């Protein structure tokens, strides 16, 4: 049985299972989920608690021993198994499957894993955990879902905000949910219950956004120039290496070109998405929704531009690398409807150096 962290509280109000596995890439939601399971365990009389952490010296026989042993002072136990790497190995895989086949009585087992990729989710040990108990996934909250998440958190502390204010907060906390949680809590300390004005939030909420360079392709596809610009500014401020940013943009541009070429030759889109390594439903949907905005000629010119930026990074031509990276992304973030650029048109540094690159 698989549920999200948002569904966990409702599930725990209905029933309590002997095995819970919490996994995912969002630490705050994973922490909250494990806290909820622990609280329910205490309420049910599981007063003894034992923690096993799978590190380099861990012996997997300890899992079976911990499940079967009891304290003299408590008849029920909460057994926590933490696998920080998310990879139990061959011995661990066998031990987990054996454990799940016969869960010990009067023991609630709480397994904690980090984000687990799709390959690991098809492994025998992961499927055994899924069959034997409840899988709770702590999914990353995407930017589009942040206002709704913020609304729920504000409601929990008897506060609310309008759409503009929620969007402002989301822009300032994107990619950093732990800090977002702290900023929302700060609003409860600063302002009384009820609606919070935009002016109050503007002066109170810090800019704690963090960006993942590996999400840059999806942001480019979304067609939001301001968000792309904000993300590149954030990556620059965090000290992200320009070659890594260029690689992320070029990977997405090449994928667009491969898919367009494949469609023109009659291949199915689903197969082309796999071949281009476009994974995840959100990324796949964005790609399919925006393909009509792009052309092979556009991809070709973008790759020429990327080659010029590569030479700029290496010091072979002069120019502002981050400005050129932004202009490269804007080739795809802006729709081909004749919309004006974000800044006055000018010759790029690559063009000034005699490179065949067009803006």
Protein backbone atom coordinates (compact mmCIF):
# COMPACT_ATOMS: atom_id res chain seq x y z
CA UNK A 1 0.00 0.00 0.00
CA UNK A 2 1.47 3.35 -1.05
CA UNK A 3 0.35 6.77 0.17
CA UNK A 4 1.75 10.30 0.28
CA UNK A 5 2.72 12.22 3.38
CA UNK A 6 -0.48 14.29 3.00
CA UNK A 7 -2.57 11.12 3.27
CA UNK A 8 -0.72 9.67 6.26
CA UNK A 9 -2.58 11.50 9.03
CA UNK A 10 -5.96 10.39 7.72
CA UNK A 11 -4.66 6.81 7.38
CA UNK A 12 -3.36 6.77 10.97
CA UNK A 13 -6.74 7.93 12.24
CA UNK A 14 -8.33 4.87 10.62
CA UNK A 15 -5.77 2.13 11.26
CA UNK A 16 -2.25 1.32 12.40
CA UNK A 17 -0.10 -1.22 10.56
CA UNK A 18 2.92 -3.17 11.87
CA UNK A 19 5.25 -1.85 9.13
CA UNK A 20 5.77 1.65 7.72
CA UNK A 21 8.40 2.70 5.19
CA UNK A 22 9.04 6.41 4.73
CA UNK A 23 11.07 7.40 1.69
CA UNK A 24 11.53 10.40 -0.55
CA UNK A 25 13.58 13.44 -1.47
CA UNK A 26 11.86 15.98 0.80
CA UNK A 27 13.47 15.84 4.28
CA UNK A 28 10.86 18.02 6.00
CA UNK A 29 7.91 15.89 4.88
CA UNK A 30 9.80 12.68 5.68
CA UNK A 31 10.61 13.96 9.17
CA UNK A 32 7.01 14.93 9.80
CA UNK A 33 5.80 11.53 8.56
CA UNK A 34 8.13 9.59 10.87
CA UNK A 35 7.08 11.82 13.79
CA UNK A 36 3.42 11.00 13.11
CA UNK A 37 4.11 7.26 13.09
CA UNK A 38 6.07 7.55 16.35
CA UNK A 39 3.26 9.53 17.99
CA UNK A 40 0.67 6.95 17.00
CA UNK A 41 2.93 4.16 18.24
CA UNK A 42 3.25 5.83 21.65
CA UNK A 43 -0.51 6.28 21.81
CA UNK A 44 -0.94 2.56 21.11
CA UNK A 45 1.40 1.56 23.94
CA UNK A 46 4.62 0.95 21.99
CA UNK A 47 6.76 2.50 24.71
CA UNK A 48 10.06 0.75 23.92
CA UNK A 49 12.06 2.19 21.03
CA UNK A 50 15.12 0.76 19.32
CA UNK A 51 17.01 2.35 16.43
CA UNK A 52 19.18 0.46 13.94
CA UNK A 53 21.28 2.44 11.46
CA UNK A 54 22.68 0.63 8.44
CA UNK A 55 26.28 1.81 8.11
CA UNK A 56 29.49 0.14 6.93
CA UNK A 57 29.73 -1.99 10.07
CA UNK A 58 26.10 -2.99 10.34
CA UNK A 59 25.28 -6.71 10.66
CA UNK A 60 21.91 -7.58 9.14
CA UNK A 61 21.31 -10.36 11.65
CA UNK A 62 20.71 -7.53 14.15
CA UNK A 63 17.39 -6.80 12.43
CA UNK A 64 15.91 -10.24 13.18
CA UNK A 65 17.36 -10.19 16.71
CA UNK A 66 15.91 -6.73 17.46
CA UNK A 67 12.51 -7.83 16.20
CA UNK A 68 12.39 -10.88 18.43
CA UNK A 69 13.89 -9.39 21.61
CA UNK A 70 11.74 -7.70 24.28
CA UNK A 71 12.46 -5.44 27.20
CA UNK A 72 11.52 -6.56 30.70
CA UNK A 73 9.61 -3.32 31.15
CA UNK A 74 7.63 -3.08 27.91
CA UNK A 75 5.66 -5.61 25.89
CA UNK A 76 5.44 -3.51 22.71
CA UNK A 77 8.32 -2.07 20.71
CA UNK A 78 8.86 0.52 17.99
CA UNK A 79 11.79 -0.66 15.88
CA UNK A 80 13.31 1.95 13.57
CA UNK A 81 15.56 0.87 10.72
CA UNK A 82 17.42 3.70 9.00
CA UNK A 83 19.16 3.08 5.66
CA UNK A 84 20.85 6.43 4.85
CA UNK A 85 22.22 5.28 1.48
CA UNK A 86 18.96 3.69 0.34
CA UNK A 87 20.98 0.64 -0.75
CA UNK A 88 20.84 -2.37 1.60
CA UNK A 89 23.05 -4.53 -0.64
CA UNK A 90 22.61 -8.22 -1.38
CA UNK A 91 22.69 -9.35 2.27
CA UNK A 92 20.35 -6.58 3.33
CA UNK A 93 17.95 -7.31 0.49
CA UNK A 94 17.65 -10.93 1.59
CA UNK A 95 17.30 -9.95 5.26
CA UNK A 96 14.54 -7.43 4.53
CA UNK A 97 12.56 -9.90 2.42
CA UNK A 98 12.84 -12.56 5.13
CA UNK A 99 11.80 -10.06 7.80
CA UNK A 100 8.76 -8.95 5.79
CA UNK A 101 7.59 -12.53 5.27
CA UNK A 102 7.06 -12.94 9.03
CA UNK A 103 6.76 -9.61 10.84
CA UNK A 104 7.37 -10.02 14.59
CA UNK A 105 4.32 -9.68 16.87
CA UNK A 106 3.92 -6.64 19.14
CA UNK A 107 6.48 -4.73 17.07
CA UNK A 108 5.87 -1.76 14.79
CA UNK A 109 8.74 -1.38 12.35
CA UNK A 110 9.53 2.02 10.86
CA UNK A 111 11.95 1.96 7.93
CA UNK A 112 13.47 5.23 6.76
CA UNK A 113 15.02 5.65 3.31
CA UNK A 114 16.12 8.68 1.28
CA UNK A 115 14.88 9.17 -2.27
CA UNK A 116 14.73 5.83 -4.12
CA UNK A 117 14.99 5.80 -7.90
CA UNK A 118 12.65 3.82 -10.14
CA UNK A 119 15.11 0.94 -10.54
CA UNK A 120 15.44 0.42 -6.80
CA UNK A 121 11.65 0.57 -6.46
CA UNK A 122 11.45 -2.52 -8.65
CA UNK A 123 13.90 -4.50 -6.50
CA UNK A 124 12.82 -7.44 -4.39
CA UNK A 125 13.48 -5.82 -1.02
CA UNK A 126 11.53 -2.65 -1.86
CA UNK A 127 8.56 -4.59 -3.21
CA UNK A 128 8.63 -6.78 -0.08
CA UNK A 129 8.35 -3.66 2.11
CA UNK A 130 5.51 -2.45 -0.10
CA UNK A 131 3.55 -5.70 0.17
CA UNK A 132 4.03 -6.12 3.90
CA UNK A 133 3.19 -2.61 5.05
CA UNK A 134 2.52 1.00 4.14
CA UNK A 135 4.88 2.99 1.92
CA UNK A 136 4.81 6.73 2.66
CA UNK A 137 6.41 8.84 -0.07
CA UNK A 138 7.76 12.30 0.80
CA UNK A 139 7.56 13.94 -2.60
CA UNK A 140 9.25 17.23 -3.38
CA UNK A 141 6.72 20.04 -3.57
CA UNK A 142 7.10 21.65 -7.02
CA UNK A 143 6.90 25.41 -7.49
CA UNK A 144 3.37 25.22 -8.95
CA UNK A 145 2.11 23.39 -5.85
CA UNK A 146 3.84 25.64 -3.32
CA UNK A 147 0.98 28.19 -2.95
CA UNK A 148 -1.43 25.38 -2.09
CA UNK A 149 1.07 23.91 0.38
CA UNK A 150 1.57 27.33 1.95
CA UNK A 151 -2.20 27.81 2.20
CA UNK A 152 -2.50 24.59 4.19
CA UNK A 153 0.33 25.55 6.52
CA UNK A 154 -1.08 29.02 7.11
CA UNK A 155 -4.55 27.58 7.73
CA UNK A 156 -3.10 25.30 10.40
CA UNK A 157 -2.00 28.41 12.33
CA UNK A 158 -5.28 30.27 11.65
CA UNK A 159 -3.83 32.58 9.01
CA UNK A 160 -4.46 33.15 5.31
CA UNK A 161 -3.12 35.18 2.40
CA UNK A 162 -4.25 36.15 -1.07
CA UNK A 163 -2.93 34.68 -4.33
CA UNK A 164 -0.37 37.44 -4.92
CA UNK A 165 1.06 37.08 -1.43
CA UNK A 166 1.26 33.30 -1.68
CA UNK A 167 3.07 33.60 -5.02
CA UNK A 168 5.56 36.05 -3.50
CA UNK A 169 6.30 33.66 -0.61
CA UNK A 170 6.62 30.71 -3.02
CA UNK A 171 9.20 32.57 -5.11
CA UNK A 172 11.27 33.26 -2.00
CA UNK A 173 11.22 29.72 -0.58
CA UNK A 174 11.24 27.57 -3.74
CA UNK A 175 13.42 24.49 -3.42
CA UNK A 176 13.93 24.91 0.33
CA UNK A 177 10.89 23.48 2.10
CA UNK A 178 12.54 23.32 5.51
CA UNK A 179 13.21 27.05 5.37
CA UNK A 180 9.70 27.60 3.98
CA UNK A 181 8.30 25.87 7.05
CA UNK A 182 10.34 28.16 9.29
CA UNK A 183 9.25 31.28 7.40
CA UNK A 184 5.58 30.30 7.77
CA UNK A 185 6.07 29.69 11.48
CA UNK A 186 7.69 33.12 11.75
CA UNK A 187 4.53 34.70 10.31
CA UNK A 188 2.53 33.15 13.15
CA UNK A 189 4.86 34.80 15.67
CA UNK A 190 4.83 38.19 13.97
CA UNK A 191 1.18 38.61 13.04
CA UNK A 192 -2.18 37.72 14.61
CA UNK A 193 -4.65 35.21 13.20
CA UNK A 194 -6.49 36.20 10.07
CA UNK A 195 -5.46 37.52 6.66
CA UNK A 196 -1.85 38.64 6.26
CA UNK A 197 -1.26 41.64 4.00
CA UNK A 198 1.24 41.56 1.16
CA UNK A 199 3.18 44.46 2.69
CA UNK A 200 3.62 42.52 5.92
CA UNK A 201 4.91 39.43 4.12
CA UNK A 202 7.20 41.44 1.84
CA UNK A 203 9.03 42.86 4.83
CA UNK A 204 9.08 39.62 6.87
CA UNK A 205 9.87 36.70 4.53
CA UNK A 206 13.53 36.15 3.69
CA UNK A 207 14.75 35.02 0.27
CA UNK A 208 15.81 31.45 1.08
CA UNK A 209 15.11 29.85 -2.30
CA UNK A 210 17.42 27.05 -3.42
CA UNK A 211 17.58 25.72 -6.95
CA UNK A 212 18.55 22.37 -8.40
CA UNK A 213 20.49 22.66 -11.65
CA UNK A 214 19.04 19.33 -12.76
CA UNK A 215 15.56 20.93 -12.84
CA UNK A 216 16.73 23.67 -15.19
CA UNK A 217 15.42 21.88 -18.28
CA UNK A 218 11.90 21.65 -16.89
CA UNK A 219 11.94 25.33 -15.91
CA UNK A 220 13.02 26.23 -19.44
CA UNK A 221 10.14 24.20 -20.89
CA UNK A 222 7.56 25.88 -18.65
CA UNK A 223 7.91 29.06 -20.69
CA UNK A 224 8.22 31.42 -17.72
CA UNK A 225 11.13 33.81 -18.52
CA UNK A 226 11.07 35.50 -15.12
CA UNK A 227 11.31 32.21 -13.24
CA UNK A 228 14.15 31.07 -15.50
CA UNK A 229 15.99 34.34 -14.85
CA UNK A 230 15.41 34.01 -11.10
CA UNK A 231 16.67 30.43 -11.10
CA UNK A 232 19.85 31.28 -13.01
CA UNK A 233 20.50 34.19 -10.63
CA UNK A 234 20.05 31.79 -7.72
CA UNK A 235 22.40 29.19 -9.19
CA UNK A 236 25.01 31.88 -9.82
CA UNK A 237 24.64 33.12 -6.24
CA UNK A 238 25.07 29.60 -4.90
CA UNK A 239 28.33 29.23 -6.81
CA UNK A 240 27.15 26.62 -9.31
CA UNK A 241 29.79 25.99 -11.97
CA UNK A 242 28.80 27.48 -15.37
CA UNK A 243 29.82 24.29 -17.27
CA UNK A 244 27.25 22.33 -15.23
CA UNK A 245 24.53 24.88 -16.02
CA UNK A 246 25.44 24.79 -19.72
CA UNK A 247 25.34 20.99 -19.67
CA UNK A 248 21.85 21.00 -18.12
CA UNK A 249 20.53 23.39 -20.76
CA UNK A 250 22.19 21.56 -23.65
CA UNK A 251 20.88 18.18 -22.49
CA UNK A 252 17.33 19.53 -22.65
CA UNK A 253 17.91 21.23 -26.01
CA UNK A 254 19.35 18.05 -27.52
CA UNK A 255 16.41 16.06 -26.16
CA UNK A 256 14.01 18.49 -27.83
CA UNK A 257 15.87 18.08 -31.13
CA UNK A 258 15.90 14.29 -30.92
CA UNK A 259 12.19 14.11 -30.18
CA UNK A 260 11.23 16.53 -32.97
CA UNK A 261 13.39 14.61 -35.47
CA UNK A 262 11.86 11.33 -34.30
CA UNK A 263 8.31 12.64 -34.65
CA UNK A 264 9.10 13.82 -38.18
CA UNK A 265 10.23 10.29 -39.03
CA UNK A 266 7.02 8.77 -37.64
CA UNK A 267 8.21 7.33 -34.33
CA UNK A 268 5.82 7.31 -31.33
CA UNK A 269 6.33 10.04 -28.75
CA UNK A 270 6.38 7.60 -25.82
CA UNK A 271 9.37 5.77 -27.30
CA UNK A 272 11.15 9.03 -28.11
CA UNK A 273 10.72 10.28 -24.54
CA UNK A 274 12.38 7.11 -23.24
CA UNK A 275 15.21 7.38 -25.76
CA UNK A 276 15.77 11.02 -24.80
CA UNK A 277 15.80 10.02 -21.10
CA UNK A 278 12.88 12.28 -20.23
CA UNK A 279 11.64 10.66 -17.03
CA UNK A 280 8.96 11.61 -14.56
CA UNK A 281 5.36 12.45 -15.46
CA UNK A 282 5.76 16.21 -14.94
CA UNK A 283 8.81 16.44 -17.23
CA UNK A 284 7.19 14.26 -19.88
CA UNK A 285 3.98 16.30 -19.82
CA UNK A 286 5.89 19.56 -20.13
CA UNK A 287 7.86 18.22 -23.08
CA UNK A 288 4.75 17.03 -24.93
CA UNK A 289 2.82 20.24 -24.23
CA UNK A 290 5.59 22.50 -25.52
CA UNK A 291 7.03 20.60 -28.48
CA UNK A 292 4.89 22.53 -30.95
CA UNK A 293 6.64 25.74 -29.89
CA UNK A 294 10.01 24.47 -31.10
CA UNK A 295 11.65 23.64 -34.43
CA UNK A 296 14.81 21.86 -35.55
CA UNK A 297 16.18 25.15 -36.86
CA UNK A 298 15.69 26.65 -33.40
CA UNK A 299 17.54 23.71 -31.83
CA UNK A 300 20.41 24.03 -34.32
CA UNK A 301 20.89 27.73 -33.61
CA UNK A 302 20.70 27.09 -29.86
CA UNK A 303 23.43 24.46 -30.07
CA UNK A 304 25.64 26.89 -31.99
CA UNK A 305 25.01 29.41 -29.25
CA UNK A 306 25.89 26.79 -26.61
CA UNK A 307 29.18 26.04 -28.41
CA UNK A 308 30.05 29.74 -28.28
CA UNK A 309 29.25 29.85 -24.55
CA UNK A 310 31.53 26.84 -24.03
CA UNK A 311 34.37 28.76 -25.67
CA UNK A 312 33.53 31.75 -23.50
CA UNK A 313 33.74 29.61 -20.32
CA UNK A 314 37.16 28.40 -21.45
CA UNK A 315 38.37 31.97 -21.94
CA UNK A 316 38.71 31.74 -25.71
CA UNK A 317 36.26 34.62 -26.29
CA UNK A 318 35.15 37.42 -24.03
CA UNK A 319 31.68 37.93 -22.62
CA UNK A 320 29.33 37.59 -19.66
CA UNK A 321 28.83 33.83 -19.33
CA UNK A 322 25.77 34.03 -17.07
CA UNK A 323 24.08 36.56 -19.31
CA UNK A 324 24.65 34.30 -22.31
CA UNK A 325 23.30 31.29 -20.39
CA UNK A 326 20.14 33.27 -19.69
CA UNK A 327 19.77 34.21 -23.34
CA UNK A 328 20.27 30.57 -24.34
CA UNK A 329 17.49 29.48 -22.00
CA UNK A 330 15.21 32.28 -23.20
CA UNK A 331 15.33 30.84 -26.72
CA UNK A 332 12.99 28.14 -25.40
CA UNK A 333 11.38 29.79 -22.37
CA UNK A 334 9.77 32.43 -24.61
CA UNK A 335 7.06 31.37 -27.03
CA UNK A 336 7.52 32.02 -30.73
CA UNK A 337 4.75 34.58 -30.88
CA UNK A 338 6.80 37.67 -31.43
CA UNK A 339 6.86 38.55 -27.74
CA UNK A 340 9.47 41.20 -26.96
CA UNK A 341 12.66 40.14 -25.20
CA UNK A 342 13.24 40.94 -21.57
CA UNK A 343 15.93 43.46 -22.52
CA UNK A 344 16.68 45.56 -25.60
CA UNK A 345 18.12 43.56 -28.47
CA UNK A 346 21.89 43.84 -28.86
CA UNK A 347 24.78 41.93 -30.33
CA UNK A 348 25.92 39.16 -28.01
CA UNK A 349 29.53 38.67 -27.01
CA UNK A 350 29.59 35.52 -29.12
CA UNK A 351 28.43 37.47 -32.17
CA UNK A 352 30.94 40.20 -31.52
CA UNK A 353 33.66 37.55 -31.57
CA UNK A 354 32.56 36.50 -35.04
CA UNK A 355 30.73 33.33 -33.99
CA UNK A 356 27.70 32.24 -36.09
CA UNK A 357 25.24 32.68 -33.21
CA UNK A 358 21.88 34.44 -33.51
CA UNK A 359 19.74 36.00 -30.74
